[in-house]
Amino acid sequence: MDLTRSAAAPFGRPRRVAVWLMLSALAALLGWFGFRGYLNPEFLFHFANSLYC
C-alpha cells in the first residue's frame, strides 16, 4: 500500500485553493492600487475642468 500518495492527497487540494485565493487577493490589491493611483483627485479635477471648458 502506498501511504505517501494517500497521505498527501488530502493536503493537495486545500493548498491549491489557498494559493489561488492568495493570487486572487494579490491581483485585487494590484488592481485597486493601480486604479487609485491613476484616478487621483488631481486627475479627476483636471478631467472635469477639461470637459467643462
N, C-alpha and C. Protein backbone atom coordinates (compact mmCIF):
# COMPACT_ATOMS: atom_id res chain seq x y z
N MET A 1 0.84 -1.19 0.00
CA MET A 1 0.00 0.00 0.00
C MET A 1 0.89 1.25 0.00
N ASP A 2 0.58 2.19 -0.86
CA ASP A 2 1.38 3.41 -0.99
C ASP A 2 0.81 4.48 -0.05
N LEU A 3 1.45 4.64 1.09
CA LEU A 3 0.95 5.59 2.09
C LEU A 3 1.32 7.03 1.76
N THR A 4 2.39 7.25 1.03
CA THR A 4 2.81 8.62 0.73
C THR A 4 1.80 9.32 -0.17
N ARG A 5 1.27 8.58 -1.14
CA ARG A 5 0.30 9.20 -2.05
C ARG A 5 -1.04 9.43 -1.36
N SER A 6 -1.51 8.48 -0.60
CA SER A 6 -2.82 8.63 0.06
C SER A 6 -2.75 9.62 1.21
N ALA A 7 -1.61 9.71 1.88
CA ALA A 7 -1.49 10.66 3.00
C ALA A 7 -1.37 12.09 2.50
N ALA A 8 -0.76 12.31 1.35
CA ALA A 8 -0.57 13.66 0.82
C ALA A 8 -1.80 14.14 0.05
N ALA A 9 -2.67 13.23 -0.33
CA ALA A 9 -3.82 13.61 -1.15
C ALA A 9 -4.74 14.63 -0.47
N PRO A 10 -5.06 14.50 0.82
CA PRO A 10 -5.95 15.49 1.42
C PRO A 10 -5.35 16.90 1.50
N PHE A 11 -4.03 17.01 1.47
CA PHE A 11 -3.40 18.32 1.61
C PHE A 11 -3.17 19.01 0.27
N GLY A 12 -3.29 18.32 -0.83
CA GLY A 12 -3.03 18.92 -2.13
C GLY A 12 -4.08 19.92 -2.55
N ARG A 13 -5.34 19.56 -2.42
CA ARG A 13 -6.42 20.43 -2.88
C ARG A 13 -6.57 21.70 -2.03
N PRO A 14 -6.59 21.60 -0.69
CA PRO A 14 -6.70 22.85 0.09
C PRO A 14 -5.52 23.79 -0.13
N ARG A 15 -4.34 23.23 -0.33
CA ARG A 15 -3.18 24.09 -0.59
C ARG A 15 -3.33 24.79 -1.93
N ARG A 16 -3.82 24.07 -2.94
CA ARG A 16 -4.03 24.68 -4.26
C ARG A 16 -5.09 25.78 -4.17
N VAL A 17 -6.14 25.53 -3.41
CA VAL A 17 -7.18 26.55 -3.24
C VAL A 17 -6.61 27.76 -2.52
N ALA A 18 -5.79 27.54 -1.51
CA ALA A 18 -5.19 28.65 -0.78
C ALA A 18 -4.27 29.47 -1.68
N VAL A 19 -3.52 28.81 -2.54
CA VAL A 19 -2.64 29.52 -3.47
C VAL A 19 -3.46 30.37 -4.43
N TRP A 20 -4.56 29.82 -4.96
CA TRP A 20 -5.40 30.60 -5.87
C TRP A 20 -6.06 31.77 -5.15
N LEU A 21 -6.45 31.56 -3.89
CA LEU A 21 -7.04 32.67 -3.13
C LEU A 21 -6.01 33.77 -2.89
N MET A 22 -4.78 33.39 -2.57
CA MET A 22 -3.73 34.41 -2.38
C MET A 22 -3.42 35.14 -3.67
N LEU A 23 -3.38 34.42 -4.80
CA LEU A 23 -3.14 35.08 -6.08
C LEU A 23 -4.28 36.01 -6.45
N SER A 24 -5.50 35.61 -6.15
CA SER A 24 -6.65 36.47 -6.42
C SER A 24 -6.61 37.73 -5.57
N ALA A 25 -6.24 37.57 -4.30
CA ALA A 25 -6.14 38.74 -3.41
C ALA A 25 -5.04 39.67 -3.89
N LEU A 26 -3.92 39.12 -4.33
CA LEU A 26 -2.82 39.94 -4.84
C LEU A 26 -3.24 40.70 -6.10
N ALA A 27 -3.94 40.03 -6.99
CA ALA A 27 -4.42 40.69 -8.21
C ALA A 27 -5.43 41.78 -7.87
N ALA A 28 -6.29 41.53 -6.90
CA ALA A 28 -7.26 42.55 -6.50
C ALA A 28 -6.56 43.76 -5.88
N LEU A 29 -5.54 43.52 -5.06
CA LEU A 29 -4.80 44.64 -4.47
C LEU A 29 -4.05 45.44 -5.53
N LEU A 30 -3.41 44.75 -6.45
CA LEU A 30 -2.71 45.46 -7.52
C LEU A 30 -3.68 46.27 -8.37
N GLY A 31 -4.82 45.70 -8.66
CA GLY A 31 -5.83 46.43 -9.43
C GLY A 31 -6.35 47.64 -8.68
N TRP A 32 -6.58 47.47 -7.39
CA TRP A 32 -7.09 48.58 -6.58
C TRP A 32 -6.08 49.72 -6.50
N PHE A 33 -4.83 49.39 -6.20
CA PHE A 33 -3.81 50.44 -6.09
C PHE A 33 -3.52 51.07 -7.45
N GLY A 34 -3.57 50.30 -8.50
CA GLY A 34 -3.39 50.87 -9.83
C GLY A 34 -4.53 51.81 -10.19
N PHE A 35 -5.74 51.42 -9.86
CA PHE A 35 -6.91 52.25 -10.13
C PHE A 35 -6.87 53.53 -9.31
N ARG A 36 -6.54 53.41 -8.03
CA ARG A 36 -6.47 54.59 -7.17
C ARG A 36 -5.31 55.50 -7.54
N GLY A 37 -4.21 54.92 -8.00
CA GLY A 37 -3.08 55.74 -8.40
C GLY A 37 -3.36 56.50 -9.68
N TYR A 38 -4.14 55.91 -10.57
CA TYR A 38 -4.45 56.58 -11.84
C TYR A 38 -5.54 57.62 -11.66
N LEU A 39 -6.56 57.30 -10.89
CA LEU A 39 -7.66 58.22 -10.70
C LEU A 39 -7.51 58.98 -9.37
N ASN A 40 -6.44 59.71 -9.26
CA ASN A 40 -6.26 60.52 -8.06
C ASN A 40 -7.12 61.79 -8.16
N PRO A 41 -7.33 62.50 -7.07
CA PRO A 41 -8.20 63.68 -7.09
C PRO A 41 -7.73 64.76 -8.08
N GLU A 42 -6.43 64.94 -8.20
CA GLU A 42 -5.93 65.97 -9.13
C GLU A 42 -6.29 65.62 -10.57
N PHE A 43 -6.15 64.36 -10.94
CA PHE A 43 -6.50 63.93 -12.29
C PHE A 43 -7.99 64.14 -12.55
N LEU A 44 -8.81 63.77 -11.59
CA LEU A 44 -10.25 63.93 -11.77
C LEU A 44 -10.65 65.39 -11.86
N PHE A 45 -9.99 66.25 -11.09
CA PHE A 45 -10.29 67.68 -11.14
C PHE A 45 -9.97 68.26 -12.51
N HIS A 46 -8.79 67.93 -13.04
CA HIS A 46 -8.41 68.43 -14.36
C HIS A 46 -9.26 67.82 -15.46
N PHE A 47 -9.64 66.58 -15.30
CA PHE A 47 -10.51 65.95 -16.30
C PHE A 47 -11.87 66.60 -16.32
N ALA A 48 -12.42 66.92 -15.14
CA ALA A 48 -13.72 67.58 -15.07
C ALA A 48 -13.64 68.99 -15.68
N ASN A 49 -12.54 69.68 -15.43
CA ASN A 49 -12.39 71.02 -16.00
C ASN A 49 -12.22 70.98 -17.50
N SER A 50 -11.59 69.95 -18.02
CA SER A 50 -11.41 69.87 -19.47
C SER A 50 -12.74 69.59 -20.17
N LEU A 51 -13.64 68.90 -19.50
CA LEU A 51 -14.96 68.67 -20.11
C LEU A 51 -15.83 69.92 -20.03
N TYR A 52 -15.63 70.71 -18.99
CA TYR A 52 -16.45 71.91 -18.80
C TYR A 52 -16.04 73.03 -19.74
N CYS A 53 -14.74 73.19 -19.95
CA CYS A 53 -14.23 74.29 -20.76
C CYS A 53 -14.38 74.02 -22.24
